[in-house]
Amino acid sequence: MYWQPGPTPGSVVASAPAKLNLTLEVGPPRQDGYHPIVSVMVPLSLTDELLLCERRDDEIVLEVTMADPLAAPLGADQDNLAWRAARLLQDFAWQALGVRKGVSIHLHKRIPVAAGLGGGSADAAAVLVGLNALWQLGLATGELSALGERLGADVPFCIRSKAGLVEGIGEQYTPLAVVPRIPVVLLNPRRPLSTAHVFRSFDAVGEPRSPGEHTAQMVRALFSGDLRNIAKAVYNDLGQPARHLIAEIGQMEAFLRTAGALTVQVTGSGPTVFGIMESGEHAREVFELCRSDARDWWAWWGWAGSVESLISETGSRELGAATCKG
């Protein structure tokens, strides 16, 4: 997760990178209903941007703007993970540290909603990290991750925003030190897909349970740094259940294959699909080809993996004219 001082004193700008599942292997549900997973997750250079501003009172106020007609509208109410993250940290700071402050949050959404890209989790992580800095709480990454786990299984990964092996229900994270920059194109049908529905479909059709060999293969491929080896190791147990629920997923995958992708797959529980391209130039060409097509898909091209420098370069430019008020 990346933050920097905001445009005025008492403000912080935070970038919230989307995540990509290069592998996702799913085990049988536990007694609590959650499915254990083994996954290689990497951050994307696709980010939401947040401006956090101190308030004179202890209110939490959230404003959301959308960069594009995304897969679904996103509210600015108490169901929003960014708002819930702020309230969670506010309550913790009061109970543990005797500190109670308010914040105004401007969230500029670029990541599609309910799309398998972890956008809500990324926003929650950005709020936790940004408010830790803004309110000068001094919490360590592990403490923030423990709080984030209460909000969602992907939040601990998003707090770190570095490539890693993720296990358990998402709370177990092992960093992967050597990960190349991977050129990708993302396509989304502008339709949300419920993670719970995908898992129910997965359980109903009795998909084979992967013990983790695909993820081990991916880790070796990442260390090799060879794009073709990485492409061969891409895998997702939830890909087929997602295709059953939204037929356009198969159409988007076919489009990317025809355009020369080294591999195509669903990320997370979908419905977003990604293609690994031979180069950044190739990815940009495929993106432009999709934009010229008559289909109304959301499309994006950029990088996965080692994207820290790309994210720090973009900073707060996506926030446009957003400012702290009062």
C-alpha atoms as a PDB file:
ATOM      1  CA  MET A   1       0.000   0.000   0.000  1.00  0.00           C
ATOM      2  CA  TYR A   2       1.320   3.414  -0.944  1.00  0.00           C
ATOM      3  CA  TRP A   3       0.694   6.802   0.663  1.00  0.00           C
ATOM      4  CA  GLN A   4       2.183  10.273   0.611  1.00  0.00           C
ATOM      5  CA  PRO A   5       1.402  13.627   2.231  1.00  0.00           C
ATOM      6  CA  GLY A   6      -1.673  15.254   0.721  1.00  0.00           C
ATOM      7  CA  PRO A   7      -2.096  18.646  -0.931  1.00  0.00           C
ATOM      8  CA  THR A   8      -2.726  20.447   2.377  1.00  0.00           C
ATOM      9  CA  PRO A   9      -1.592  19.969   5.981  1.00  0.00           C
ATOM     10  CA  GLY A  10      -3.687  17.352   7.724  1.00  0.00           C
ATOM     11  CA  SER A  11      -4.216  15.262   4.593  1.00  0.00           C
ATOM     12  CA  VAL A  12      -2.858  12.064   3.077  1.00  0.00           C
ATOM     13  CA  VAL A  13      -3.136  10.609  -0.423  1.00  0.00           C
ATOM     14  CA  ALA A  14      -3.202   6.802  -0.686  1.00  0.00           C
ATOM     15  CA  SER A  15      -3.097   4.538  -3.739  1.00  0.00           C
ATOM     16  CA  ALA A  16      -5.026   1.255  -3.616  1.00  0.00           C
ATOM     17  CA  PRO A  17      -3.703  -1.279  -6.172  1.00  0.00           C
ATOM     18  CA  ALA A  18      -5.982  -3.988  -7.522  1.00  0.00           C
ATOM     19  CA  LYS A  19      -4.839  -7.578  -7.152  1.00  0.00           C
ATOM     20  CA  LEU A  20      -4.465 -10.358  -9.705  1.00  0.00           C
ATOM     21  CA  ASN A  21      -4.595 -14.085  -8.931  1.00  0.00           C
ATOM     22  CA  LEU A  22      -1.976 -15.807 -11.065  1.00  0.00           C
ATOM     23  CA  THR A  23      -3.117 -19.030  -9.422  1.00  0.00           C
ATOM     24  CA  LEU A  24      -6.104 -19.827  -7.214  1.00  0.00           C
ATOM     25  CA  GLU A  25      -6.534 -23.342  -5.829  1.00  0.00           C
ATOM     26  CA  VAL A  26      -9.532 -23.981  -3.606  1.00  0.00           C
ATOM     27  CA  GLY A  27     -10.040 -26.640  -0.961  1.00  0.00           C
ATOM     28  CA  PRO A  28     -13.291 -28.060   0.462  1.00  0.00           C
ATOM     29  CA  PRO A  29     -15.273 -25.756   2.765  1.00  0.00           C
ATOM     30  CA  ARG A  30     -14.368 -25.716   6.441  1.00  0.00           C
ATOM     31  CA  GLN A  31     -16.915 -26.047   9.244  1.00  0.00           C
ATOM     32  CA  ASP A  32     -17.305 -22.260   9.303  1.00  0.00           C
ATOM     33  CA  GLY A  33     -18.193 -22.284   5.589  1.00  0.00           C
ATOM     34  CA  TYR A  34     -14.988 -20.644   4.371  1.00  0.00           C
ATOM     35  CA  HIS A  35     -12.888 -22.345   1.692  1.00  0.00           C
ATOM     36  CA  PRO A  36      -9.134 -22.611   2.265  1.00  0.00           C
ATOM     37  CA  ILE A  37      -7.105 -21.397  -0.692  1.00  0.00           C
ATOM     38  CA  VAL A  38      -3.588 -21.477  -2.050  1.00  0.00           C
ATOM     39  CA  SER A  39      -2.872 -18.577  -4.382  1.00  0.00           C
ATOM     40  CA  VAL A  40      -0.135 -16.469  -5.893  1.00  0.00           C
ATOM     41  CA  MET A  41      -1.396 -12.897  -5.759  1.00  0.00           C
ATOM     42  CA  VAL A  42       0.323  -9.923  -7.346  1.00  0.00           C
ATOM     43  CA  PRO A  43      -0.568  -6.221  -7.340  1.00  0.00           C
ATOM     44  CA  LEU A  44      -1.584  -4.402 -10.511  1.00  0.00           C
ATOM     45  CA  SER A  45      -0.672  -0.899 -11.632  1.00  0.00           C
ATOM     46  CA  LEU A  46      -4.455  -0.319 -11.747  1.00  0.00           C
ATOM     47  CA  THR A  47      -5.350   1.698  -8.647  1.00  0.00           C
ATOM     48  CA  ASP A  48      -8.106   3.502  -6.840  1.00  0.00           C
ATOM     49  CA  GLU A  49      -6.975   6.804  -5.324  1.00  0.00           C
ATOM     50  CA  LEU A  50      -8.020   8.168  -1.940  1.00  0.00           C
ATOM     51  CA  LEU A  51      -7.652  11.585  -0.337  1.00  0.00           C
ATOM     52  CA  LEU A  52      -7.969  11.459   3.466  1.00  0.00           C
ATOM     53  CA  CYS A  53      -8.535  14.742   5.305  1.00  0.00           C
ATOM     54  CA  GLU A  54      -8.639  15.351   9.046  1.00  0.00           C
ATOM     55  CA  ARG A  55     -11.870  16.798  10.422  1.00  0.00           C
ATOM     56  CA  ARG A  56     -12.511  19.064  13.393  1.00  0.00           C
ATOM     57  CA  ASP A  57     -15.195  16.633  14.614  1.00  0.00           C
ATOM     58  CA  ASP A  58     -15.136  12.836  14.872  1.00  0.00           C
ATOM     59  CA  GLU A  59     -17.419  12.141  11.899  1.00  0.00           C
ATOM     60  CA  ILE A  60     -16.502   9.797   9.031  1.00  0.00           C
ATOM     61  CA  VAL A  61     -17.618  11.224   5.690  1.00  0.00           C
ATOM     62  CA  LEU A  62     -17.090   9.348   2.406  1.00  0.00           C
ATOM     63  CA  GLU A  63     -17.465  10.747  -1.112  1.00  0.00           C
ATOM     64  CA  VAL A  64     -17.100   8.457  -4.150  1.00  0.00           C
ATOM     65  CA  THR A  65     -16.465   9.376  -7.780  1.00  0.00           C
ATOM     66  CA  MET A  66     -16.303   6.851 -10.610  1.00  0.00           C
ATOM     67  CA  ALA A  67     -13.714   7.113 -13.375  1.00  0.00           C
ATOM     68  CA  ASP A  68     -15.814   5.034 -15.752  1.00  0.00           C
ATOM     69  CA  PRO A  69     -19.253   3.361 -15.881  1.00  0.00           C
ATOM     70  CA  LEU A  70     -17.882   0.313 -14.093  1.00  0.00           C
ATOM     71  CA  ALA A  71     -19.444  -3.082 -13.447  1.00  0.00           C
ATOM     72  CA  ALA A  72     -21.718  -1.751 -10.692  1.00  0.00           C
ATOM     73  CA  PRO A  73     -22.308   1.527  -8.856  1.00  0.00           C
ATOM     74  CA  LEU A  74     -20.602   1.957  -5.505  1.00  0.00           C
ATOM     75  CA  GLY A  75     -22.304   3.660  -2.600  1.00  0.00           C
ATOM     76  CA  ALA A  76     -20.710   6.018  -0.107  1.00  0.00           C
ATOM     77  CA  ASP A  77     -22.633   4.645   2.860  1.00  0.00           C
ATOM     78  CA  GLN A  78     -21.789   2.341   5.745  1.00  0.00           C
ATOM     79  CA  ASP A  79     -21.785  -0.735   3.477  1.00  0.00           C
ATOM     80  CA  ASN A  80     -18.691   0.591   1.698  1.00  0.00           C
ATOM     81  CA  LEU A  81     -15.522  -1.170   2.870  1.00  0.00           C
ATOM     82  CA  ALA A  82     -13.593   2.103   2.917  1.00  0.00           C
ATOM     83  CA  TRP A  83     -16.099   3.590   5.383  1.00  0.00           C
ATOM     84  CA  ARG A  84     -16.107   0.428   7.479  1.00  0.00           C
ATOM     85  CA  ALA A  85     -12.293   0.426   7.604  1.00  0.00           C
ATOM     86  CA  ALA A  86     -12.294   4.003   8.881  1.00  0.00           C
ATOM     87  CA  ARG A  87     -14.836   3.193  11.592  1.00  0.00           C
ATOM     88  CA  LEU A  88     -12.935   0.044  12.592  1.00  0.00           C
ATOM     89  CA  LEU A  89      -9.662   1.943  13.009  1.00  0.00           C
ATOM     90  CA  GLN A  90     -11.406   4.843  14.742  1.00  0.00           C
ATOM     91  CA  ASP A  91     -12.925   2.477  17.320  1.00  0.00           C
ATOM     92  CA  PHE A  92      -9.615   0.646  17.798  1.00  0.00           C
ATOM     93  CA  ALA A  93      -7.689   3.901  18.244  1.00  0.00           C
ATOM     94  CA  TRP A  94     -10.166   5.091  20.880  1.00  0.00           C
ATOM     95  CA  GLN A  95     -10.236   1.820  22.821  1.00  0.00           C
ATOM     96  CA  ALA A  96      -6.504   1.024  22.624  1.00  0.00           C
ATOM     97  CA  LEU A  97      -4.876   4.455  22.430  1.00  0.00           C
ATOM     98  CA  GLY A  98      -7.427   6.947  23.700  1.00  0.00           C
ATOM     99  CA  VAL A  99      -7.405   8.755  20.337  1.00  0.00           C
ATOM    100  CA  ARG A 100     -10.635   9.653  18.559  1.00  0.00           C
ATOM    101  CA  LYS A 101     -10.540  11.676  15.339  1.00  0.00           C
ATOM    102  CA  GLY A 102     -12.710  12.109  12.284  1.00  0.00           C
ATOM    103  CA  VAL A 103     -11.902  11.952   8.585  1.00  0.00           C
ATOM    104  CA  SER A 104     -13.308  12.980   5.227  1.00  0.00           C
ATOM    105  CA  ILE A 105     -12.493  10.475   2.484  1.00  0.00           C
ATOM    106  CA  HIS A 106     -12.650  11.171  -1.235  1.00  0.00           C
ATOM    107  CA  LEU A 107     -12.478   7.847  -3.113  1.00  0.00           C
ATOM    108  CA  HIS A 108     -11.831   7.934  -6.856  1.00  0.00           C
ATOM    109  CA  LYS A 109     -12.797   4.502  -8.248  1.00  0.00           C
ATOM    110  CA  ARG A 110     -10.996   3.047 -11.239  1.00  0.00           C
ATOM    111  CA  ILE A 111     -11.191  -0.637 -10.244  1.00  0.00           C
ATOM    112  CA  PRO A 112     -14.444  -2.362 -11.314  1.00  0.00           C
ATOM    113  CA  VAL A 113     -16.777  -3.401  -8.502  1.00  0.00           C
ATOM    114  CA  ALA A 114     -17.461  -7.094  -7.694  1.00  0.00           C
ATOM    115  CA  ALA A 115     -14.984  -8.040 -10.404  1.00  0.00           C
ATOM    116  CA  GLY A 116     -12.452 -10.417  -8.832  1.00  0.00           C
ATOM    117  CA  LEU A 117      -9.844  -7.645  -8.551  1.00  0.00           C
ATOM    118  CA  GLY A 118     -10.095  -6.954  -4.827  1.00  0.00           C
ATOM    119  CA  GLY A 119     -11.085  -3.319  -5.280  1.00  0.00           C
ATOM    120  CA  GLY A 120     -13.098  -3.056  -2.075  1.00  0.00           C
ATOM    121  CA  SER A 121     -10.366  -4.773  -0.085  1.00  0.00           C
ATOM    122  CA  ALA A 122      -7.757  -2.470  -1.627  1.00  0.00           C
ATOM    123  CA  ASP A 123      -9.787   0.589  -0.622  1.00  0.00           C
ATOM    124  CA  ALA A 124     -10.137  -0.711   2.937  1.00  0.00           C
ATOM    125  CA  ALA A 125      -6.401  -1.371   3.113  1.00  0.00           C
ATOM    126  CA  ALA A 126      -5.629   2.124   1.807  1.00  0.00           C
ATOM    127  CA  VAL A 127      -7.852   3.673   4.474  1.00  0.00           C
ATOM    128  CA  LEU A 128      -6.183   1.669   7.257  1.00  0.00           C
ATOM    129  CA  VAL A 129      -2.670   2.533   6.081  1.00  0.00           C
ATOM    130  CA  GLY A 130      -3.513   6.146   5.276  1.00  0.00           C
ATOM    131  CA  LEU A 131      -5.291   6.831   8.566  1.00  0.00           C
ATOM    132  CA  ASN A 132      -2.493   5.168  10.517  1.00  0.00           C
ATOM    133  CA  ALA A 133      -0.240   7.843   9.021  1.00  0.00           C
ATOM    134  CA  LEU A 134      -2.731  10.732   9.183  1.00  0.00           C
ATOM    135  CA  TRP A 135      -3.699  10.099  12.804  1.00  0.00           C
ATOM    136  CA  GLN A 136      -0.093   9.224  13.750  1.00  0.00           C
ATOM    137  CA  LEU A 137      -1.134   5.977  15.431  1.00  0.00           C
ATOM    138  CA  GLY A 138       2.173   4.171  14.870  1.00  0.00           C
ATOM    139  CA  LEU A 139       0.621   0.747  14.229  1.00  0.00           C
ATOM    140  CA  ALA A 140       2.834  -1.889  12.611  1.00  0.00           C
ATOM    141  CA  THR A 141       1.912  -3.682   9.390  1.00  0.00           C
ATOM    142  CA  GLY A 142       1.017  -6.827  11.326  1.00  0.00           C
ATOM    143  CA  GLU A 143      -1.391  -4.904  13.558  1.00  0.00           C
ATOM    144  CA  LEU A 144      -3.055  -3.278  10.550  1.00  0.00           C
ATOM    145  CA  SER A 145      -3.319  -6.678   8.844  1.00  0.00           C
ATOM    146  CA  ALA A 146      -5.008  -8.190  11.902  1.00  0.00           C
ATOM    147  CA  LEU A 147      -7.575  -5.392  11.803  1.00  0.00           C
ATOM    148  CA  GLY A 148      -7.968  -5.759   8.049  1.00  0.00           C
ATOM    149  CA  GLU A 149      -8.733  -9.456   8.380  1.00  0.00           C
ATOM    150  CA  ARG A 150     -11.984  -8.488  10.125  1.00  0.00           C
ATOM    151  CA  LEU A 151     -13.067  -6.671   6.955  1.00  0.00           C
ATOM    152  CA  GLY A 152     -12.197  -9.298   4.354  1.00  0.00           C
ATOM    153  CA  ALA A 153      -9.792 -12.096   3.501  1.00  0.00           C
ATOM    154  CA  ASP A 154      -7.971 -10.070   0.808  1.00  0.00           C
ATOM    155  CA  VAL A 155      -7.334  -7.007   2.977  1.00  0.00           C
ATOM    156  CA  PRO A 156      -4.108  -8.293   4.632  1.00  0.00           C
ATOM    157  CA  PHE A 157      -2.583  -8.887   1.180  1.00  0.00           C
ATOM    158  CA  CYS A 158      -3.730  -5.475  -0.021  1.00  0.00           C
ATOM    159  CA  ILE A 159      -2.121  -3.781   2.982  1.00  0.00           C
ATOM    160  CA  ARG A 160       1.234  -5.136   1.833  1.00  0.00           C
ATOM    161  CA  SER A 161       0.526  -4.820  -1.920  1.00  0.00           C
ATOM    162  CA  LYS A 162       3.519  -6.952  -2.814  1.00  0.00           C
ATOM    163  CA  ALA A 163       3.569 -10.276  -4.643  1.00  0.00           C
ATOM    164  CA  GLY A 164       3.032 -13.157  -2.283  1.00  0.00           C
ATOM    165  CA  LEU A 165       1.882 -16.692  -1.601  1.00  0.00           C
ATOM    166  CA  VAL A 166      -1.507 -16.452   0.107  1.00  0.00           C
ATOM    167  CA  GLU A 167      -3.001 -19.360   2.080  1.00  0.00           C
ATOM    168  CA  GLY A 168      -5.677 -20.141   4.655  1.00  0.00           C
ATOM    169  CA  ILE A 169      -8.716 -18.017   3.806  1.00  0.00           C
ATOM    170  CA  GLY A 170      -6.366 -15.259   2.660  1.00  0.00           C
ATOM    171  CA  GLU A 171      -4.865 -14.235   5.975  1.00  0.00           C
ATOM    172  CA  GLN A 172      -1.607 -16.201   5.616  1.00  0.00           C
ATOM    173  CA  TYR A 173       0.922 -14.287   3.515  1.00  0.00           C
ATOM    174  CA  THR A 174       4.461 -15.202   2.440  1.00  0.00           C
ATOM    175  CA  PRO A 175       6.265 -12.590   0.316  1.00  0.00           C
ATOM    176  CA  LEU A 176       7.802 -13.562  -3.012  1.00  0.00           C
ATOM    177  CA  ALA A 177      10.985 -11.565  -3.426  1.00  0.00           C
ATOM    178  CA  VAL A 178      11.732 -12.067  -7.124  1.00  0.00           C
ATOM    179  CA  VAL A 179       8.773 -11.233  -9.365  1.00  0.00           C
ATOM    180  CA  PRO A 180       9.069  -9.675 -12.836  1.00  0.00           C
ATOM    181  CA  ARG A 181       6.858  -6.980 -14.299  1.00  0.00           C
ATOM    182  CA  ILE A 182       4.145  -8.770 -16.325  1.00  0.00           C
ATOM    183  CA  PRO A 183       2.246  -7.031 -19.180  1.00  0.00           C
ATOM    184  CA  VAL A 184      -1.483  -7.758 -18.990  1.00  0.00           C
ATOM    185  CA  VAL A 185      -4.817  -6.802 -20.522  1.00  0.00           C
ATOM    186  CA  LEU A 186      -7.979  -6.975 -18.404  1.00  0.00           C
ATOM    187  CA  LEU A 187     -11.523  -7.281 -19.739  1.00  0.00           C
ATOM    188  CA  ASN A 188     -14.764  -7.058 -17.766  1.00  0.00           C
ATOM    189  CA  PRO A 189     -18.337  -7.445 -19.094  1.00  0.00           C
ATOM    190  CA  ARG A 190     -19.580  -4.538 -16.920  1.00  0.00           C
ATOM    191  CA  ARG A 191     -21.581  -7.023 -14.871  1.00  0.00           C
ATOM    192  CA  PRO A 192     -20.867  -7.768 -11.200  1.00  0.00           C
ATOM    193  CA  LEU A 193     -20.478 -11.353 -10.028  1.00  0.00           C
ATOM    194  CA  SER A 194     -21.032 -12.419  -6.437  1.00  0.00           C
ATOM    195  CA  THR A 195     -18.120 -14.316  -4.914  1.00  0.00           C
ATOM    196  CA  ALA A 196     -20.579 -16.357  -2.838  1.00  0.00           C
ATOM    197  CA  HIS A 197     -22.468 -17.432  -5.977  1.00  0.00           C
ATOM    198  CA  VAL A 198     -19.249 -18.591  -7.635  1.00  0.00           C
ATOM    199  CA  PHE A 199     -18.220 -20.655  -4.617  1.00  0.00           C
ATOM    200  CA  ARG A 200     -21.697 -22.226  -4.449  1.00  0.00           C
ATOM    201  CA  SER A 201     -21.409 -23.139  -8.121  1.00  0.00           C
ATOM    202  CA  PHE A 202     -17.937 -24.540  -7.473  1.00  0.00           C
ATOM    203  CA  ASP A 203     -19.258 -26.752  -4.658  1.00  0.00           C
ATOM    204  CA  ALA A 204     -22.371 -27.828  -6.585  1.00  0.00           C
ATOM    205  CA  VAL A 205     -20.530 -29.160  -9.632  1.00  0.00           C
ATOM    206  CA  GLY A 206     -17.943 -30.976  -7.541  1.00  0.00           C
ATOM    207  CA  GLU A 207     -14.905 -29.367  -9.119  1.00  0.00           C
ATOM    208  CA  PRO A 208     -11.635 -31.211  -8.365  1.00  0.00           C
ATOM    209  CA  ARG A 209      -9.791 -29.915  -5.322  1.00  0.00           C
ATOM    210  CA  SER A 210      -6.263 -28.810  -6.135  1.00  0.00           C
ATOM    211  CA  PRO A 211      -3.626 -29.556  -3.486  1.00  0.00           C
ATOM    212  CA  GLY A 212      -1.321 -26.700  -4.501  1.00  0.00           C
ATOM    213  CA  GLU A 213       0.864 -28.092  -7.277  1.00  0.00           C
ATOM    214  CA  HIS A 214      -0.172 -25.339  -9.705  1.00  0.00           C
ATOM    215  CA  THR A 215       0.864 -22.670  -7.231  1.00  0.00           C
ATOM    216  CA  ALA A 216       4.217 -24.350  -6.631  1.00  0.00           C
ATOM    217  CA  GLN A 217       4.752 -24.387 -10.395  1.00  0.00           C
ATOM    218  CA  MET A 218       3.911 -20.671 -10.561  1.00  0.00           C
ATOM    219  CA  VAL A 219       6.401 -19.805  -7.829  1.00  0.00           C
ATOM    220  CA  ARG A 220       9.139 -21.568  -9.796  1.00  0.00           C
ATOM    221  CA  ALA A 221       8.063 -19.797 -12.990  1.00  0.00           C
ATOM    222  CA  LEU A 222       8.174 -16.384 -11.317  1.00  0.00           C
ATOM    223  CA  PHE A 223      11.691 -17.017 -10.094  1.00  0.00           C
ATOM    224  CA  SER A 224      12.701 -17.949 -13.650  1.00  0.00           C
ATOM    225  CA  GLY A 225      11.434 -14.578 -14.855  1.00  0.00           C
ATOM    226  CA  ASP A 226      10.291 -16.098 -18.161  1.00  0.00           C
ATOM    227  CA  LEU A 227       6.875 -14.836 -19.316  1.00  0.00           C
ATOM    228  CA  ARG A 228       6.072 -18.034 -21.200  1.00  0.00           C
ATOM    229  CA  ASN A 229       6.798 -20.169 -18.142  1.00  0.00           C
ATOM    230  CA  ILE A 230       4.610 -17.863 -16.062  1.00  0.00           C
ATOM    231  CA  ALA A 231       1.816 -18.072 -18.640  1.00  0.00           C
ATOM    232  CA  LYS A 232       1.930 -21.878 -18.616  1.00  0.00           C
ATOM    233  CA  ALA A 233       1.527 -21.943 -14.822  1.00  0.00           C
ATOM    234  CA  VAL A 234      -1.584 -19.710 -14.651  1.00  0.00           C
ATOM    235  CA  TYR A 235      -4.500 -21.564 -13.029  1.00  0.00           C
ATOM    236  CA  ASN A 236      -7.847 -20.868 -11.325  1.00  0.00           C
ATOM    237  CA  ASP A 237     -10.220 -23.398  -9.765  1.00  0.00           C
ATOM    238  CA  LEU A 238     -13.013 -20.800  -9.884  1.00  0.00           C
ATOM    239  CA  GLY A 239     -12.653 -20.085 -13.592  1.00  0.00           C
ATOM    240  CA  GLN A 240     -15.090 -22.720 -14.793  1.00  0.00           C
ATOM    241  CA  PRO A 241     -17.815 -21.963 -12.214  1.00  0.00           C
ATOM    242  CA  ALA A 242     -17.579 -18.279 -13.162  1.00  0.00           C
ATOM    243  CA  ARG A 243     -17.942 -19.166 -16.863  1.00  0.00           C
ATOM    244  CA  HIS A 244     -21.114 -21.115 -16.049  1.00  0.00           C
ATOM    245  CA  LEU A 245     -22.612 -18.004 -14.460  1.00  0.00           C
ATOM    246  CA  ILE A 246     -21.600 -15.385 -17.059  1.00  0.00           C
ATOM    247  CA  ALA A 247     -21.273 -16.595 -20.652  1.00  0.00           C
ATOM    248  CA  GLU A 248     -19.443 -13.429 -21.740  1.00  0.00           C
ATOM    249  CA  ILE A 249     -16.385 -14.595 -19.827  1.00  0.00           C
ATOM    250  CA  GLY A 250     -15.736 -17.189 -22.526  1.00  0.00           C
ATOM    251  CA  GLN A 251     -16.213 -14.554 -25.237  1.00  0.00           C
ATOM    252  CA  MET A 252     -13.690 -12.225 -23.605  1.00  0.00           C
ATOM    253  CA  GLU A 253     -11.189 -15.054 -23.240  1.00  0.00           C
ATOM    254  CA  ALA A 254     -11.626 -15.954 -26.915  1.00  0.00           C
ATOM    255  CA  PHE A 255     -11.011 -12.307 -27.879  1.00  0.00           C
ATOM    256  CA  LEU A 256      -7.727 -12.234 -25.958  1.00  0.00           C
ATOM    257  CA  ARG A 257      -6.584 -15.573 -27.364  1.00  0.00           C
ATOM    258  CA  THR A 258      -7.266 -14.393 -30.914  1.00  0.00           C
ATOM    259  CA  ALA A 259      -5.288 -11.227 -30.146  1.00  0.00           C
ATOM    260  CA  GLY A 260      -2.235 -13.323 -29.265  1.00  0.00           C
ATOM    261  CA  ALA A 261      -2.292 -13.564 -25.473  1.00  0.00           C
ATOM    262  CA  LEU A 262       0.188 -16.072 -24.067  1.00  0.00           C
ATOM    263  CA  THR A 263      -2.556 -17.273 -21.724  1.00  0.00           C
ATOM    264  CA  VAL A 264      -5.985 -16.149 -20.527  1.00  0.00           C
ATOM    265  CA  GLN A 265      -7.784 -16.805 -17.254  1.00  0.00           C
ATOM    266  CA  VAL A 266     -10.340 -15.481 -14.802  1.00  0.00           C
ATOM    267  CA  THR A 267      -8.908 -13.574 -11.845  1.00  0.00           C
ATOM    268  CA  GLY A 268     -10.356 -14.359  -8.428  1.00  0.00           C
ATOM    269  CA  SER A 269     -14.032 -15.253  -8.637  1.00  0.00           C
ATOM    270  CA  GLY A 270     -14.463 -13.186 -11.814  1.00  0.00           C
ATOM    271  CA  PRO A 271     -15.959 -11.961 -13.987  1.00  0.00           C
ATOM    272  CA  THR A 272     -12.791 -10.060 -14.989  1.00  0.00           C
ATOM    273  CA  VAL A 273     -10.456 -12.010 -17.259  1.00  0.00           C
ATOM    274  CA  PHE A 274      -6.820 -11.272 -17.950  1.00  0.00           C
ATOM    275  CA  GLY A 275      -4.402 -12.093 -20.704  1.00  0.00           C
ATOM    276  CA  ILE A 276      -0.627 -12.132 -20.326  1.00  0.00           C
ATOM    277  CA  MET A 277       0.923 -10.402 -23.319  1.00  0.00           C
ATOM    278  CA  GLU A 278       4.361 -10.673 -24.880  1.00  0.00           C
ATOM    279  CA  SER A 279       5.261  -7.044 -24.139  1.00  0.00           C
ATOM    280  CA  GLY A 280       3.851  -3.747 -22.975  1.00  0.00           C
ATOM    281  CA  GLU A 281       3.518  -2.649 -26.590  1.00  0.00           C
ATOM    282  CA  HIS A 282       1.545  -5.800 -27.391  1.00  0.00           C
ATOM    283  CA  ALA A 283      -0.723  -5.183 -24.393  1.00  0.00           C
ATOM    284  CA  ARG A 284      -1.397  -1.609 -25.484  1.00  0.00           C
ATOM    285  CA  GLU A 285      -2.204  -2.741 -29.046  1.00  0.00           C
ATOM    286  CA  VAL A 286      -4.698  -5.340 -27.783  1.00  0.00           C
ATOM    287  CA  PHE A 287      -6.280  -2.745 -25.495  1.00  0.00           C
ATOM    288  CA  GLU A 288      -6.719  -0.353 -28.424  1.00  0.00           C
ATOM    289  CA  LEU A 289      -8.145  -3.187 -30.532  1.00  0.00           C
ATOM    290  CA  CYS A 290     -10.735  -3.882 -27.848  1.00  0.00           C
ATOM    291  CA  ARG A 291     -11.664  -0.210 -27.566  1.00  0.00           C
ATOM    292  CA  SER A 292     -12.295  -0.074 -31.314  1.00  0.00           C
ATOM    293  CA  ASP A 293     -14.519  -3.164 -31.121  1.00  0.00           C
ATOM    294  CA  ALA A 294     -18.293  -2.737 -30.934  1.00  0.00           C
ATOM    295  CA  ARG A 295     -18.600  -4.652 -27.656  1.00  0.00           C
ATOM    296  CA  ASP A 296     -19.190  -2.616 -24.514  1.00  0.00           C
ATOM    297  CA  TRP A 297     -16.568  -4.314 -22.364  1.00  0.00           C
ATOM    298  CA  TRP A 298     -14.499  -2.463 -19.819  1.00  0.00           C
ATOM    299  CA  ALA A 299     -10.848  -2.786 -20.849  1.00  0.00           C
ATOM    300  CA  TRP A 300      -7.507  -1.877 -19.295  1.00  0.00           C
ATOM    301  CA  TRP A 301      -3.868  -2.606 -19.975  1.00  0.00           C
ATOM    302  CA  GLY A 302      -0.930  -2.264 -17.641  1.00  0.00           C
ATOM    303  CA  TRP A 303       1.393  -4.268 -15.455  1.00  0.00           C
ATOM    304  CA  ALA A 304       1.243  -6.933 -12.760  1.00  0.00           C
ATOM    305  CA  GLY A 305       3.932  -8.027 -10.331  1.00  0.00           C
ATOM    306  CA  SER A 306       6.686  -5.539  -9.547  1.00  0.00           C
ATOM    307  CA  VAL A 307       4.673  -2.349  -9.962  1.00  0.00           C
ATOM    308  CA  GLU A 308       5.775  -0.272  -6.960  1.00  0.00           C
ATOM    309  CA  SER A 309       7.599   2.367  -9.010  1.00  0.00           C
ATOM    310  CA  LEU A 310       4.671   2.703 -11.435  1.00  0.00           C
ATOM    311  CA  ILE A 311       2.218   3.316  -8.603  1.00  0.00           C
ATOM    312  CA  SER A 312       4.448   5.823  -6.822  1.00  0.00           C
ATOM    313  CA  GLU A 313       4.844   7.720 -10.102  1.00  0.00           C
ATOM    314  CA  THR A 314       1.084   8.128 -10.636  1.00  0.00           C
ATOM    315  CA  GLY A 315       0.475   9.319  -7.078  1.00  0.00           C
ATOM    316  CA  SER A 316      -2.525  11.576  -6.670  1.00  0.00           C
ATOM    317  CA  ARG A 317      -3.065  12.715 -10.249  1.00  0.00           C
ATOM    318  CA  GLU A 318      -6.310  10.721 -10.570  1.00  0.00           C
ATOM    319  CA  LEU A 319      -7.902  12.734  -7.749  1.00  0.00           C
ATOM    320  CA  GLY A 320      -8.173  15.739 -10.020  1.00  0.00           C
ATOM    321  CA  ALA A 321      -9.677  18.726  -8.238  1.00  0.00           C
ATOM    322  CA  ALA A 322     -10.527  16.921  -4.993  1.00  0.00           C
ATOM    323  CA  THR A 323      -9.506  19.019  -1.999  1.00  0.00           C
ATOM    324  CA  CYS A 324      -9.885  19.009   1.752  1.00  0.00           C
ATOM    325  CA  LYS A 325     -12.775  21.195   2.855  1.00  0.00           C
ATOM    326  CA  GLY A 326     -13.128  22.981   6.115  1.00  0.00           C
END
